[in-house]
N, C-alpha and C. Protein backbone atom coordinates (compact mmCIF):
# COMPACT_ATOMS: atom_id res chain seq x y z
N UNK A 1 12.40 -69.89 79.00
CA UNK A 1 12.69 -71.28 78.65
C UNK A 1 11.51 -71.93 77.94
N UNK A 2 10.31 -71.60 78.44
CA UNK A 2 9.13 -72.21 77.83
C UNK A 2 8.98 -71.79 76.38
N UNK A 3 9.27 -70.52 76.06
CA UNK A 3 9.17 -70.05 74.69
C UNK A 3 10.18 -70.75 73.79
N UNK A 4 11.39 -70.95 74.31
CA UNK A 4 12.43 -71.65 73.53
C UNK A 4 11.99 -73.07 73.26
N UNK A 5 11.44 -73.73 74.28
CA UNK A 5 10.99 -75.13 74.13
C UNK A 5 9.87 -75.22 73.10
N UNK A 6 8.91 -74.29 73.16
CA UNK A 6 7.81 -74.29 72.20
C UNK A 6 8.30 -74.06 70.78
N UNK A 7 9.31 -73.18 70.64
CA UNK A 7 9.88 -72.91 69.32
C UNK A 7 10.54 -74.14 68.74
N UNK A 8 11.26 -74.90 69.58
CA UNK A 8 11.92 -76.12 69.10
C UNK A 8 10.91 -77.16 68.67
N UNK A 9 9.82 -77.33 69.43
CA UNK A 9 8.78 -78.29 69.07
C UNK A 9 8.12 -77.91 67.76
N UNK A 10 7.82 -76.61 67.59
CA UNK A 10 7.19 -76.14 66.36
C UNK A 10 8.08 -76.41 65.15
N UNK A 11 9.39 -76.14 65.29
CA UNK A 11 10.32 -76.36 64.18
C UNK A 11 10.39 -77.82 63.79
N UNK A 12 10.41 -78.70 64.79
CA UNK A 12 10.48 -80.13 64.52
C UNK A 12 9.23 -80.61 63.79
N UNK A 13 8.06 -80.16 64.22
CA UNK A 13 6.81 -80.53 63.57
C UNK A 13 6.77 -80.03 62.13
N UNK A 14 7.27 -78.84 61.91
CA UNK A 14 7.28 -78.26 60.57
C UNK A 14 8.12 -79.08 59.62
N UNK A 15 9.29 -79.55 60.09
CA UNK A 15 10.16 -80.36 59.25
C UNK A 15 9.49 -81.67 58.86
N UNK A 16 8.81 -82.31 59.80
CA UNK A 16 8.14 -83.58 59.52
C UNK A 16 7.02 -83.37 58.52
N UNK A 17 6.28 -82.28 58.66
CA UNK A 17 5.13 -82.04 57.81
C UNK A 17 5.53 -81.73 56.37
N UNK A 18 6.54 -80.93 56.19
CA UNK A 18 6.90 -80.49 54.85
C UNK A 18 7.49 -81.60 54.01
N UNK A 19 8.29 -82.48 54.60
CA UNK A 19 8.90 -83.55 53.80
C UNK A 19 10.20 -83.07 53.18
N UNK A 20 10.49 -83.57 51.98
CA UNK A 20 11.76 -83.26 51.32
C UNK A 20 11.63 -82.00 50.49
N UNK A 21 11.66 -80.85 51.14
CA UNK A 21 11.46 -79.61 50.40
C UNK A 21 12.73 -78.97 49.89
N UNK A 22 13.83 -79.12 50.63
CA UNK A 22 15.03 -78.38 50.29
C UNK A 22 15.63 -78.79 48.96
N UNK A 23 15.49 -80.05 48.58
CA UNK A 23 16.15 -80.54 47.38
C UNK A 23 15.35 -80.29 46.11
N UNK A 24 14.18 -79.68 46.22
CA UNK A 24 13.40 -79.40 45.02
C UNK A 24 13.10 -77.90 44.92
N UNK A 25 14.01 -77.08 45.41
CA UNK A 25 13.76 -75.65 45.47
C UNK A 25 14.15 -74.90 44.20
N UNK A 26 14.47 -75.61 43.14
CA UNK A 26 14.82 -74.94 41.89
C UNK A 26 13.53 -74.50 41.21
N UNK A 27 12.96 -73.41 41.71
CA UNK A 27 11.69 -72.92 41.20
C UNK A 27 11.95 -72.06 39.97
N UNK A 28 11.23 -72.36 38.90
CA UNK A 28 11.38 -71.59 37.67
C UNK A 28 10.06 -70.93 37.34
N UNK A 29 10.10 -69.89 36.55
CA UNK A 29 8.88 -69.20 36.18
C UNK A 29 8.04 -70.09 35.28
N UNK A 30 6.72 -70.20 35.55
CA UNK A 30 5.87 -71.01 34.68
C UNK A 30 5.93 -70.53 33.24
N UNK A 31 5.95 -71.44 32.28
CA UNK A 31 6.00 -71.06 30.88
C UNK A 31 4.70 -70.38 30.48
N UNK A 32 4.80 -69.44 29.58
CA UNK A 32 3.63 -68.68 29.17
C UNK A 32 2.76 -69.43 28.18
N UNK A 33 3.33 -70.39 27.44
CA UNK A 33 2.52 -71.11 26.46
C UNK A 33 1.46 -71.94 27.17
N UNK A 34 0.32 -72.09 26.51
CA UNK A 34 -0.79 -72.83 27.07
C UNK A 34 -0.73 -74.29 26.61
N UNK A 35 -0.82 -75.20 27.56
CA UNK A 35 -0.86 -76.62 27.22
C UNK A 35 -2.25 -76.93 26.66
N UNK A 36 -2.30 -77.37 25.42
CA UNK A 36 -3.58 -77.72 24.82
C UNK A 36 -3.96 -79.16 25.13
N UNK A 37 -3.00 -80.06 24.97
CA UNK A 37 -3.29 -81.48 25.19
C UNK A 37 -1.96 -82.22 25.32
N UNK A 38 -1.44 -82.25 26.54
CA UNK A 38 -0.15 -82.90 26.78
C UNK A 38 -0.40 -84.32 27.27
N UNK A 39 0.02 -85.34 26.49
CA UNK A 39 -0.17 -86.72 26.94
C UNK A 39 0.95 -87.17 27.87
N UNK A 40 0.57 -87.82 28.96
CA UNK A 40 1.53 -88.42 29.87
C UNK A 40 1.27 -89.93 29.89
N UNK A 41 2.22 -90.69 29.39
CA UNK A 41 2.04 -92.13 29.24
C UNK A 41 2.52 -92.87 30.48
N UNK A 42 1.61 -93.62 31.10
CA UNK A 42 1.96 -94.43 32.26
C UNK A 42 2.45 -95.79 31.81
N UNK A 43 3.22 -96.45 32.67
CA UNK A 43 3.80 -97.74 32.28
C UNK A 43 2.78 -98.89 32.28
N UNK A 44 1.53 -98.61 32.66
CA UNK A 44 0.49 -99.63 32.56
C UNK A 44 -0.33 -99.49 31.29
N UNK A 45 0.11 -98.57 30.40
CA UNK A 45 -0.57 -98.35 29.14
C UNK A 45 -1.60 -97.25 29.16
N UNK A 46 -1.93 -96.74 30.33
CA UNK A 46 -2.93 -95.68 30.43
C UNK A 46 -2.29 -94.33 30.13
N UNK A 47 -3.08 -93.44 29.54
CA UNK A 47 -2.58 -92.11 29.19
C UNK A 47 -3.39 -91.03 29.90
N UNK A 48 -2.68 -90.13 30.55
CA UNK A 48 -3.31 -88.94 31.12
C UNK A 48 -3.16 -87.79 30.12
N UNK A 49 -4.20 -86.99 30.01
CA UNK A 49 -4.16 -85.81 29.15
C UNK A 49 -4.22 -84.57 30.04
N UNK A 50 -3.17 -83.76 29.98
CA UNK A 50 -3.11 -82.54 30.79
C UNK A 50 -3.33 -81.34 29.88
N UNK A 51 -4.28 -80.50 30.23
CA UNK A 51 -4.51 -79.27 29.47
C UNK A 51 -4.62 -78.11 30.44
N UNK A 52 -4.39 -76.94 29.92
CA UNK A 52 -4.34 -75.74 30.74
C UNK A 52 -5.40 -74.76 30.29
N UNK A 53 -6.09 -74.16 31.26
CA UNK A 53 -7.14 -73.20 30.93
C UNK A 53 -6.52 -71.91 30.40
N UNK A 54 -7.12 -71.39 29.35
CA UNK A 54 -6.65 -70.12 28.82
C UNK A 54 -7.20 -68.98 29.66
N UNK A 55 -6.40 -67.91 29.77
CA UNK A 55 -6.81 -66.75 30.55
C UNK A 55 -6.84 -65.52 29.65
N UNK A 56 -7.74 -64.61 30.00
CA UNK A 56 -7.78 -63.36 29.25
C UNK A 56 -6.53 -62.56 29.54
N UNK A 57 -6.00 -61.92 28.52
CA UNK A 57 -4.73 -61.19 28.65
C UNK A 57 -4.79 -60.12 29.73
N UNK A 58 -5.94 -59.47 29.90
CA UNK A 58 -6.05 -58.36 30.84
C UNK A 58 -6.57 -58.79 32.21
N UNK A 59 -6.74 -60.10 32.39
CA UNK A 59 -7.27 -60.57 33.67
C UNK A 59 -6.12 -60.73 34.67
N UNK A 60 -5.76 -59.61 35.29
CA UNK A 60 -4.62 -59.58 36.19
C UNK A 60 -4.84 -60.45 37.43
N UNK A 61 -6.05 -60.44 37.94
CA UNK A 61 -6.35 -61.23 39.15
C UNK A 61 -6.26 -62.72 38.85
N UNK A 62 -6.74 -63.15 37.70
CA UNK A 62 -6.66 -64.56 37.32
C UNK A 62 -5.22 -64.98 37.15
N UNK A 63 -4.39 -64.07 36.62
CA UNK A 63 -2.98 -64.37 36.43
C UNK A 63 -2.29 -64.59 37.78
N UNK A 64 -2.59 -63.71 38.73
CA UNK A 64 -2.00 -63.85 40.06
C UNK A 64 -2.46 -65.15 40.72
N UNK A 65 -3.73 -65.48 40.54
CA UNK A 65 -4.27 -66.71 41.14
C UNK A 65 -3.61 -67.94 40.55
N UNK A 66 -3.36 -67.91 39.24
CA UNK A 66 -2.77 -69.08 38.60
C UNK A 66 -1.34 -69.29 39.07
N UNK A 67 -0.63 -68.21 39.39
CA UNK A 67 0.73 -68.34 39.87
C UNK A 67 0.76 -68.90 41.29
N UNK A 68 -0.27 -68.57 42.09
CA UNK A 68 -0.29 -69.06 43.46
C UNK A 68 -0.74 -70.52 43.52
N UNK A 69 -1.53 -70.97 42.56
CA UNK A 69 -1.97 -72.36 42.53
C UNK A 69 -2.14 -72.79 41.08
N UNK A 70 -1.03 -73.11 40.44
CA UNK A 70 -1.06 -73.48 39.03
C UNK A 70 -1.84 -74.77 38.81
N UNK A 71 -1.90 -75.64 39.83
CA UNK A 71 -2.63 -76.90 39.69
C UNK A 71 -4.11 -76.66 39.40
N UNK A 72 -4.65 -75.61 39.97
CA UNK A 72 -6.07 -75.30 39.79
C UNK A 72 -6.35 -74.88 38.35
N UNK A 73 -5.33 -74.46 37.65
CA UNK A 73 -5.48 -73.99 36.28
C UNK A 73 -5.30 -75.12 35.26
N UNK A 74 -5.13 -76.36 35.76
CA UNK A 74 -4.94 -77.50 34.88
C UNK A 74 -6.15 -78.42 34.92
N UNK A 75 -6.31 -79.16 33.84
CA UNK A 75 -7.30 -80.23 33.77
C UNK A 75 -6.56 -81.53 33.46
N UNK A 76 -6.88 -82.60 34.21
CA UNK A 76 -6.21 -83.88 34.01
C UNK A 76 -7.28 -84.95 33.80
N UNK A 77 -7.29 -85.53 32.61
CA UNK A 77 -8.30 -86.54 32.28
C UNK A 77 -7.62 -87.83 31.82
N UNK A 78 -8.42 -88.88 31.79
CA UNK A 78 -7.95 -90.17 31.28
C UNK A 78 -9.17 -90.92 30.76
N UNK A 79 -8.96 -92.16 30.33
CA UNK A 79 -10.08 -92.96 29.85
C UNK A 79 -10.98 -93.43 30.97
N UNK A 80 -10.50 -93.37 32.21
CA UNK A 80 -11.27 -93.85 33.34
C UNK A 80 -12.10 -92.76 33.99
N UNK A 81 -13.31 -93.09 34.39
CA UNK A 81 -14.18 -92.15 35.11
C UNK A 81 -13.93 -92.30 36.60
N UNK A 82 -12.80 -91.77 37.04
CA UNK A 82 -12.45 -91.88 38.46
C UNK A 82 -11.62 -90.66 38.85
N UNK A 83 -11.29 -90.58 40.13
CA UNK A 83 -10.45 -89.48 40.61
C UNK A 83 -8.99 -89.83 40.32
N UNK A 84 -8.32 -88.95 39.60
CA UNK A 84 -6.90 -89.13 39.30
C UNK A 84 -6.06 -88.50 40.42
N UNK A 85 -5.11 -89.27 40.94
CA UNK A 85 -4.26 -88.79 42.02
C UNK A 85 -2.81 -88.83 41.55
N UNK A 86 -2.23 -87.66 41.33
CA UNK A 86 -0.84 -87.56 40.89
C UNK A 86 0.07 -87.49 42.11
N UNK A 87 1.07 -88.34 42.14
CA UNK A 87 1.99 -88.39 43.27
C UNK A 87 3.40 -88.05 42.76
N UNK A 88 3.83 -86.82 42.99
CA UNK A 88 5.18 -86.40 42.62
C UNK A 88 6.14 -86.83 43.73
N UNK A 89 7.25 -87.48 43.36
CA UNK A 89 8.18 -87.96 44.38
C UNK A 89 9.59 -88.05 43.80
N UNK A 90 10.56 -88.26 44.70
CA UNK A 90 11.92 -88.59 44.30
C UNK A 90 12.31 -89.87 45.01
N UNK A 91 13.25 -90.59 44.43
CA UNK A 91 13.63 -91.89 44.99
C UNK A 91 14.46 -91.76 46.25
N UNK A 92 15.01 -90.56 46.52
CA UNK A 92 15.85 -90.39 47.70
C UNK A 92 15.10 -89.78 48.88
N UNK A 93 13.80 -89.57 48.73
CA UNK A 93 13.00 -88.87 49.74
C UNK A 93 12.37 -89.86 50.71
N UNK A 94 12.78 -89.82 51.97
CA UNK A 94 12.24 -90.74 52.98
C UNK A 94 10.74 -90.55 53.22
N UNK A 95 10.24 -89.31 53.33
CA UNK A 95 8.78 -89.15 53.48
C UNK A 95 8.00 -89.72 52.30
N UNK A 96 8.61 -89.70 51.09
CA UNK A 96 7.94 -90.29 49.92
C UNK A 96 7.77 -91.79 50.13
N UNK A 97 8.82 -92.43 50.67
CA UNK A 97 8.71 -93.86 50.97
C UNK A 97 7.68 -94.10 52.05
N UNK A 98 7.61 -93.20 53.00
CA UNK A 98 6.71 -93.37 54.13
C UNK A 98 5.23 -93.31 53.77
N UNK A 99 4.88 -92.61 52.67
CA UNK A 99 3.47 -92.49 52.33
C UNK A 99 2.96 -93.70 51.54
N UNK A 100 3.86 -94.54 51.03
CA UNK A 100 3.43 -95.63 50.14
C UNK A 100 2.43 -96.59 50.79
N UNK A 101 2.64 -97.02 52.05
CA UNK A 101 1.63 -97.89 52.67
C UNK A 101 0.26 -97.22 52.78
N UNK A 102 0.25 -95.91 52.96
CA UNK A 102 -1.02 -95.18 53.07
C UNK A 102 -1.73 -95.13 51.72
N UNK A 103 -0.95 -95.01 50.64
CA UNK A 103 -1.55 -95.05 49.31
C UNK A 103 -2.19 -96.41 49.07
N UNK A 104 -1.52 -97.46 49.51
CA UNK A 104 -2.08 -98.81 49.38
C UNK A 104 -3.39 -98.93 50.15
N UNK A 105 -3.44 -98.38 51.34
CA UNK A 105 -4.66 -98.42 52.15
C UNK A 105 -5.82 -97.71 51.44
N UNK A 106 -5.50 -96.56 50.84
CA UNK A 106 -6.54 -95.80 50.13
C UNK A 106 -7.02 -96.56 48.90
N UNK A 107 -6.10 -97.23 48.21
CA UNK A 107 -6.49 -98.03 47.05
C UNK A 107 -7.44 -99.15 47.45
N UNK A 108 -7.14 -99.80 48.55
CA UNK A 108 -8.00 -100.89 49.02
C UNK A 108 -9.37 -100.37 49.44
N UNK A 109 -9.41 -99.18 50.02
CA UNK A 109 -10.66 -98.63 50.51
C UNK A 109 -11.57 -98.13 49.39
N UNK A 110 -10.98 -97.43 48.41
CA UNK A 110 -11.79 -96.78 47.37
C UNK A 110 -11.85 -97.55 46.05
N UNK A 111 -10.98 -98.53 45.89
CA UNK A 111 -11.02 -99.37 44.69
C UNK A 111 -10.88 -98.59 43.40
N UNK A 112 -11.74 -98.92 42.42
CA UNK A 112 -11.62 -98.30 41.10
C UNK A 112 -12.22 -96.90 41.03
N UNK A 113 -12.65 -96.36 42.17
CA UNK A 113 -13.13 -94.98 42.19
C UNK A 113 -11.98 -93.98 42.15
N UNK A 114 -10.77 -94.46 42.43
CA UNK A 114 -9.58 -93.61 42.37
C UNK A 114 -8.50 -94.32 41.56
N UNK A 115 -7.56 -93.53 41.04
CA UNK A 115 -6.43 -94.09 40.30
C UNK A 115 -5.18 -93.26 40.62
N UNK A 116 -4.16 -93.92 41.17
CA UNK A 116 -2.90 -93.26 41.47
C UNK A 116 -1.97 -93.30 40.26
N UNK A 117 -1.18 -92.24 40.11
CA UNK A 117 -0.14 -92.19 39.09
C UNK A 117 1.11 -91.58 39.72
N UNK A 118 2.19 -92.35 39.78
CA UNK A 118 3.43 -91.84 40.34
C UNK A 118 4.24 -91.09 39.29
N UNK A 119 4.75 -89.93 39.67
CA UNK A 119 5.56 -89.12 38.75
C UNK A 119 6.90 -88.82 39.43
N UNK A 120 7.92 -89.65 39.19
CA UNK A 120 9.23 -89.38 39.77
C UNK A 120 9.89 -88.20 39.07
N UNK A 121 10.57 -87.35 39.83
CA UNK A 121 11.15 -86.13 39.24
C UNK A 121 12.64 -86.00 39.55
N UNK A 122 13.31 -87.11 39.89
CA UNK A 122 14.74 -87.06 40.21
C UNK A 122 15.54 -86.30 39.16
N UNK A 123 15.29 -86.63 37.89
CA UNK A 123 16.07 -86.06 36.80
C UNK A 123 15.69 -84.62 36.48
N UNK A 124 14.58 -84.15 37.04
CA UNK A 124 14.13 -82.79 36.77
C UNK A 124 14.61 -81.80 37.83
N UNK A 125 15.06 -82.32 38.97
CA UNK A 125 15.52 -81.44 40.05
C UNK A 125 17.02 -81.63 40.34
N UNK A 126 17.67 -82.46 39.57
CA UNK A 126 19.11 -82.69 39.76
C UNK A 126 19.65 -83.63 38.69
N UNK A 127 20.93 -83.85 38.72
CA UNK A 127 21.55 -84.76 37.75
C UNK A 127 21.46 -86.19 38.25
N UNK A 128 20.97 -87.07 37.39
CA UNK A 128 20.82 -88.48 37.73
C UNK A 128 21.49 -89.31 36.63
N UNK A 129 22.39 -90.18 37.02
CA UNK A 129 23.13 -90.96 36.03
C UNK A 129 22.25 -91.98 35.32
N UNK A 130 21.40 -92.67 36.07
CA UNK A 130 20.53 -93.69 35.49
C UNK A 130 19.14 -93.53 36.09
N UNK A 131 18.35 -92.62 35.52
CA UNK A 131 17.05 -92.28 36.09
C UNK A 131 16.12 -93.48 36.16
N UNK A 132 15.90 -94.14 35.04
CA UNK A 132 14.95 -95.26 35.02
C UNK A 132 15.44 -96.42 35.88
N UNK A 133 16.76 -96.62 35.93
CA UNK A 133 17.31 -97.66 36.80
C UNK A 133 17.06 -97.35 38.26
N UNK A 134 17.23 -96.09 38.65
CA UNK A 134 16.99 -95.68 40.04
C UNK A 134 15.53 -95.87 40.42
N UNK A 135 14.62 -95.54 39.49
CA UNK A 135 13.20 -95.70 39.75
C UNK A 135 12.84 -97.18 39.88
N UNK A 136 13.45 -98.01 39.05
CA UNK A 136 13.18 -99.44 39.12
C UNK A 136 13.61 -100.02 40.46
N UNK A 137 14.81 -99.64 40.92
CA UNK A 137 15.30 -100.11 42.21
C UNK A 137 14.38 -99.63 43.33
N UNK A 138 13.98 -98.36 43.28
CA UNK A 138 13.07 -97.80 44.27
C UNK A 138 11.76 -98.57 44.30
N UNK A 139 11.22 -98.88 43.12
CA UNK A 139 9.95 -99.60 43.02
C UNK A 139 10.05 -100.99 43.63
N UNK A 140 11.16 -101.68 43.35
CA UNK A 140 11.33 -103.03 43.85
C UNK A 140 11.56 -103.05 45.36
N UNK A 141 12.36 -102.12 45.85
CA UNK A 141 12.67 -102.08 47.28
C UNK A 141 11.46 -101.69 48.12
N UNK A 142 10.56 -100.91 47.55
CA UNK A 142 9.41 -100.42 48.30
C UNK A 142 8.09 -101.05 47.87
N UNK A 143 8.18 -102.09 47.05
CA UNK A 143 6.98 -102.80 46.57
C UNK A 143 5.95 -101.81 46.01
N UNK A 144 6.43 -100.88 45.19
CA UNK A 144 5.57 -99.85 44.61
C UNK A 144 4.68 -100.48 43.55
N UNK A 145 3.38 -100.34 43.73
CA UNK A 145 2.47 -100.99 42.78
C UNK A 145 1.43 -100.02 42.21
N UNK A 146 1.88 -98.81 41.91
CA UNK A 146 1.02 -97.86 41.20
C UNK A 146 1.67 -97.56 39.85
N UNK A 147 0.86 -97.23 38.84
CA UNK A 147 1.43 -96.89 37.52
C UNK A 147 2.38 -95.70 37.64
N UNK A 148 3.47 -95.76 36.88
CA UNK A 148 4.46 -94.68 36.89
C UNK A 148 4.49 -93.99 35.54
N UNK A 149 4.68 -92.68 35.58
CA UNK A 149 4.82 -91.89 34.37
C UNK A 149 6.29 -91.50 34.25
N UNK A 150 6.95 -92.04 33.23
CA UNK A 150 8.39 -91.85 33.07
C UNK A 150 8.74 -91.15 31.76
N UNK A 151 7.76 -90.84 30.93
CA UNK A 151 8.07 -90.31 29.60
C UNK A 151 8.59 -88.87 29.66
N UNK A 152 9.09 -88.41 28.54
CA UNK A 152 9.73 -87.10 28.46
C UNK A 152 8.79 -85.93 28.68
N UNK A 153 7.50 -86.14 28.52
CA UNK A 153 6.55 -85.05 28.71
C UNK A 153 6.44 -84.59 30.16
N UNK A 154 7.00 -85.37 31.07
CA UNK A 154 7.05 -84.91 32.47
C UNK A 154 7.77 -83.57 32.55
N UNK A 155 8.80 -83.44 31.74
CA UNK A 155 9.57 -82.19 31.73
C UNK A 155 8.75 -81.00 31.29
N UNK A 156 7.88 -81.20 30.29
CA UNK A 156 7.00 -80.12 29.83
C UNK A 156 6.03 -79.71 30.94
N UNK A 157 5.48 -80.70 31.62
CA UNK A 157 4.57 -80.41 32.74
C UNK A 157 5.30 -79.66 33.84
N UNK A 158 6.51 -80.09 34.14
CA UNK A 158 7.30 -79.47 35.20
C UNK A 158 7.58 -78.00 34.88
N UNK A 159 7.84 -77.69 33.61
CA UNK A 159 8.09 -76.31 33.21
C UNK A 159 6.84 -75.45 33.39
N UNK A 160 5.70 -76.00 33.01
CA UNK A 160 4.45 -75.25 33.15
C UNK A 160 4.14 -74.99 34.62
N UNK A 161 4.46 -75.97 35.47
CA UNK A 161 4.24 -75.80 36.90
C UNK A 161 5.21 -74.79 37.51
N UNK A 162 6.31 -74.53 36.81
CA UNK A 162 7.32 -73.64 37.37
C UNK A 162 8.11 -74.30 38.48
N UNK A 163 8.26 -75.64 38.39
CA UNK A 163 8.89 -76.39 39.47
C UNK A 163 7.87 -76.67 40.56
N UNK A 164 8.27 -77.40 41.59
CA UNK A 164 7.37 -77.64 42.72
C UNK A 164 8.13 -77.35 44.00
N UNK A 165 7.39 -77.11 45.07
CA UNK A 165 7.98 -76.66 46.33
C UNK A 165 8.67 -77.77 47.10
N UNK A 166 8.26 -79.00 46.89
CA UNK A 166 8.84 -80.11 47.63
C UNK A 166 8.12 -81.40 47.32
N UNK A 167 8.58 -82.48 47.90
CA UNK A 167 7.97 -83.79 47.73
C UNK A 167 7.87 -84.46 49.10
N UNK A 168 6.93 -85.39 49.28
CA UNK A 168 5.91 -85.80 48.30
C UNK A 168 4.86 -84.72 48.08
N UNK A 169 4.41 -84.64 46.84
CA UNK A 169 3.35 -83.72 46.46
C UNK A 169 2.24 -84.55 45.83
N UNK A 170 1.04 -84.45 46.38
CA UNK A 170 -0.10 -85.25 45.92
C UNK A 170 -1.19 -84.30 45.42
N UNK A 171 -1.64 -84.51 44.18
CA UNK A 171 -2.64 -83.63 43.57
C UNK A 171 -3.83 -84.46 43.11
N UNK A 172 -5.04 -84.04 43.48
CA UNK A 172 -6.26 -84.76 43.14
C UNK A 172 -7.03 -84.02 42.04
N UNK A 173 -7.48 -84.80 41.03
CA UNK A 173 -8.34 -84.27 39.97
C UNK A 173 -9.57 -85.15 39.83
N UNK A 174 -10.73 -84.54 39.62
CA UNK A 174 -11.99 -85.26 39.53
C UNK A 174 -12.14 -86.05 38.25
N UNK A 175 -13.23 -86.79 38.16
CA UNK A 175 -13.43 -87.67 37.01
C UNK A 175 -13.55 -86.91 35.70
N UNK A 176 -13.93 -85.63 35.77
CA UNK A 176 -14.02 -84.80 34.57
C UNK A 176 -12.79 -83.92 34.38
N UNK A 177 -11.77 -84.17 35.18
CA UNK A 177 -10.51 -83.44 35.01
C UNK A 177 -10.34 -82.24 35.89
N UNK A 178 -11.37 -81.90 36.69
CA UNK A 178 -11.32 -80.68 37.49
C UNK A 178 -10.43 -80.86 38.72
N UNK A 179 -9.73 -79.79 39.07
CA UNK A 179 -8.87 -79.77 40.26
C UNK A 179 -9.71 -79.91 41.52
N UNK A 180 -9.23 -80.74 42.46
CA UNK A 180 -9.91 -80.90 43.75
C UNK A 180 -9.09 -80.32 44.89
N UNK A 181 -7.85 -80.81 45.03
CA UNK A 181 -7.04 -80.47 46.20
C UNK A 181 -5.61 -80.93 45.94
N UNK A 182 -4.67 -80.31 46.67
CA UNK A 182 -3.31 -80.87 46.66
C UNK A 182 -2.70 -80.76 48.05
N UNK A 183 -1.73 -81.63 48.30
CA UNK A 183 -1.09 -81.72 49.61
C UNK A 183 0.42 -81.78 49.42
N UNK A 184 1.13 -81.06 50.28
CA UNK A 184 2.59 -81.08 50.24
C UNK A 184 3.12 -81.64 51.55
N UNK A 185 3.97 -82.66 51.45
CA UNK A 185 4.56 -83.24 52.64
C UNK A 185 3.87 -84.53 53.05
N UNK A 186 4.37 -85.13 54.13
CA UNK A 186 3.84 -86.40 54.63
C UNK A 186 2.62 -86.14 55.49
N UNK A 187 1.50 -85.89 54.85
CA UNK A 187 0.28 -85.56 55.58
C UNK A 187 -0.43 -86.83 56.03
N UNK A 188 -1.33 -86.74 57.01
CA UNK A 188 -2.04 -87.92 57.49
C UNK A 188 -2.93 -88.54 56.41
N UNK A 189 -2.95 -89.86 56.38
CA UNK A 189 -3.81 -90.60 55.45
C UNK A 189 -5.27 -90.19 55.61
N UNK A 190 -5.67 -89.95 56.87
CA UNK A 190 -7.06 -89.62 57.15
C UNK A 190 -7.52 -88.33 56.45
N UNK A 191 -6.58 -87.41 56.24
CA UNK A 191 -6.94 -86.15 55.59
C UNK A 191 -7.31 -86.40 54.12
N UNK A 192 -6.51 -87.22 53.44
CA UNK A 192 -6.81 -87.55 52.04
C UNK A 192 -8.10 -88.36 51.96
N UNK A 193 -8.25 -89.31 52.90
CA UNK A 193 -9.45 -90.14 52.94
C UNK A 193 -10.71 -89.28 53.08
N UNK A 194 -10.65 -88.29 53.96
CA UNK A 194 -11.80 -87.40 54.17
C UNK A 194 -12.15 -86.63 52.90
N UNK A 195 -11.13 -86.04 52.26
CA UNK A 195 -11.37 -85.25 51.06
C UNK A 195 -11.90 -86.11 49.90
N UNK A 196 -11.38 -87.34 49.78
CA UNK A 196 -11.88 -88.24 48.75
C UNK A 196 -13.34 -88.60 49.02
N UNK A 197 -13.65 -88.92 50.26
CA UNK A 197 -15.02 -89.29 50.62
C UNK A 197 -15.98 -88.14 50.36
N UNK A 198 -15.58 -86.93 50.73
CA UNK A 198 -16.43 -85.75 50.53
C UNK A 198 -16.72 -85.54 49.04
N UNK A 199 -15.68 -85.67 48.24
CA UNK A 199 -15.85 -85.45 46.79
C UNK A 199 -16.76 -86.51 46.19
N UNK A 200 -16.59 -87.76 46.58
CA UNK A 200 -17.40 -88.84 46.04
C UNK A 200 -18.87 -88.72 46.48
N UNK A 201 -19.09 -88.24 47.70
CA UNK A 201 -20.45 -88.02 48.18
C UNK A 201 -21.12 -86.92 47.36
N UNK A 202 -20.39 -85.85 47.07
CA UNK A 202 -20.93 -84.76 46.29
C UNK A 202 -21.29 -85.20 44.88
N UNK A 203 -20.56 -86.18 44.36
CA UNK A 203 -20.81 -86.69 43.03
C UNK A 203 -21.86 -87.80 43.04
N UNK A 204 -22.33 -88.15 44.23
CA UNK A 204 -23.34 -89.18 44.35
C UNK A 204 -22.82 -90.59 44.14
N UNK A 205 -21.52 -90.82 44.47
CA UNK A 205 -20.93 -92.14 44.30
C UNK A 205 -20.79 -92.84 45.65
């Protein structure tokens, strides 16, 4: 009985941690073309530039590594010298709604040292009749106050990523575009806070 009880507790914790994974399982093979300079336009006028590191054709180990963590193979820069935080979400995901107050807390704590960018992917993982309308309603109902990236280049980025495992998905990039860390699911705010603090300390900020 004790083993059965422990198994049920473990399963419940796993579901809470992962978030909305089942509805984004349309995983596709990452595209082979290299992103040289893909602009992602946010609705606040800021532009993110996503580029992909080139790999040697015979570097089999690098190829395997890039498939296991494609985010590490990308560079994300902008006009601001701060940590860029990409937040992939869908409007129907309850854990995505649940993390929004924590993002606000982090914004208040770190100020202009970090910059959030929301990337809704409803239309990339399923059919949506009115994508921008759904995002607008979601933003208003949840008092979402981070810049959103809604342009068509989201699709190009999604193809290069080969899809994503679930949402919410949060990816951190340094002020020079370098990959720092990513998180899948409704993780504790304190975990992101710790990683941000560590990175800023290393940079002497």
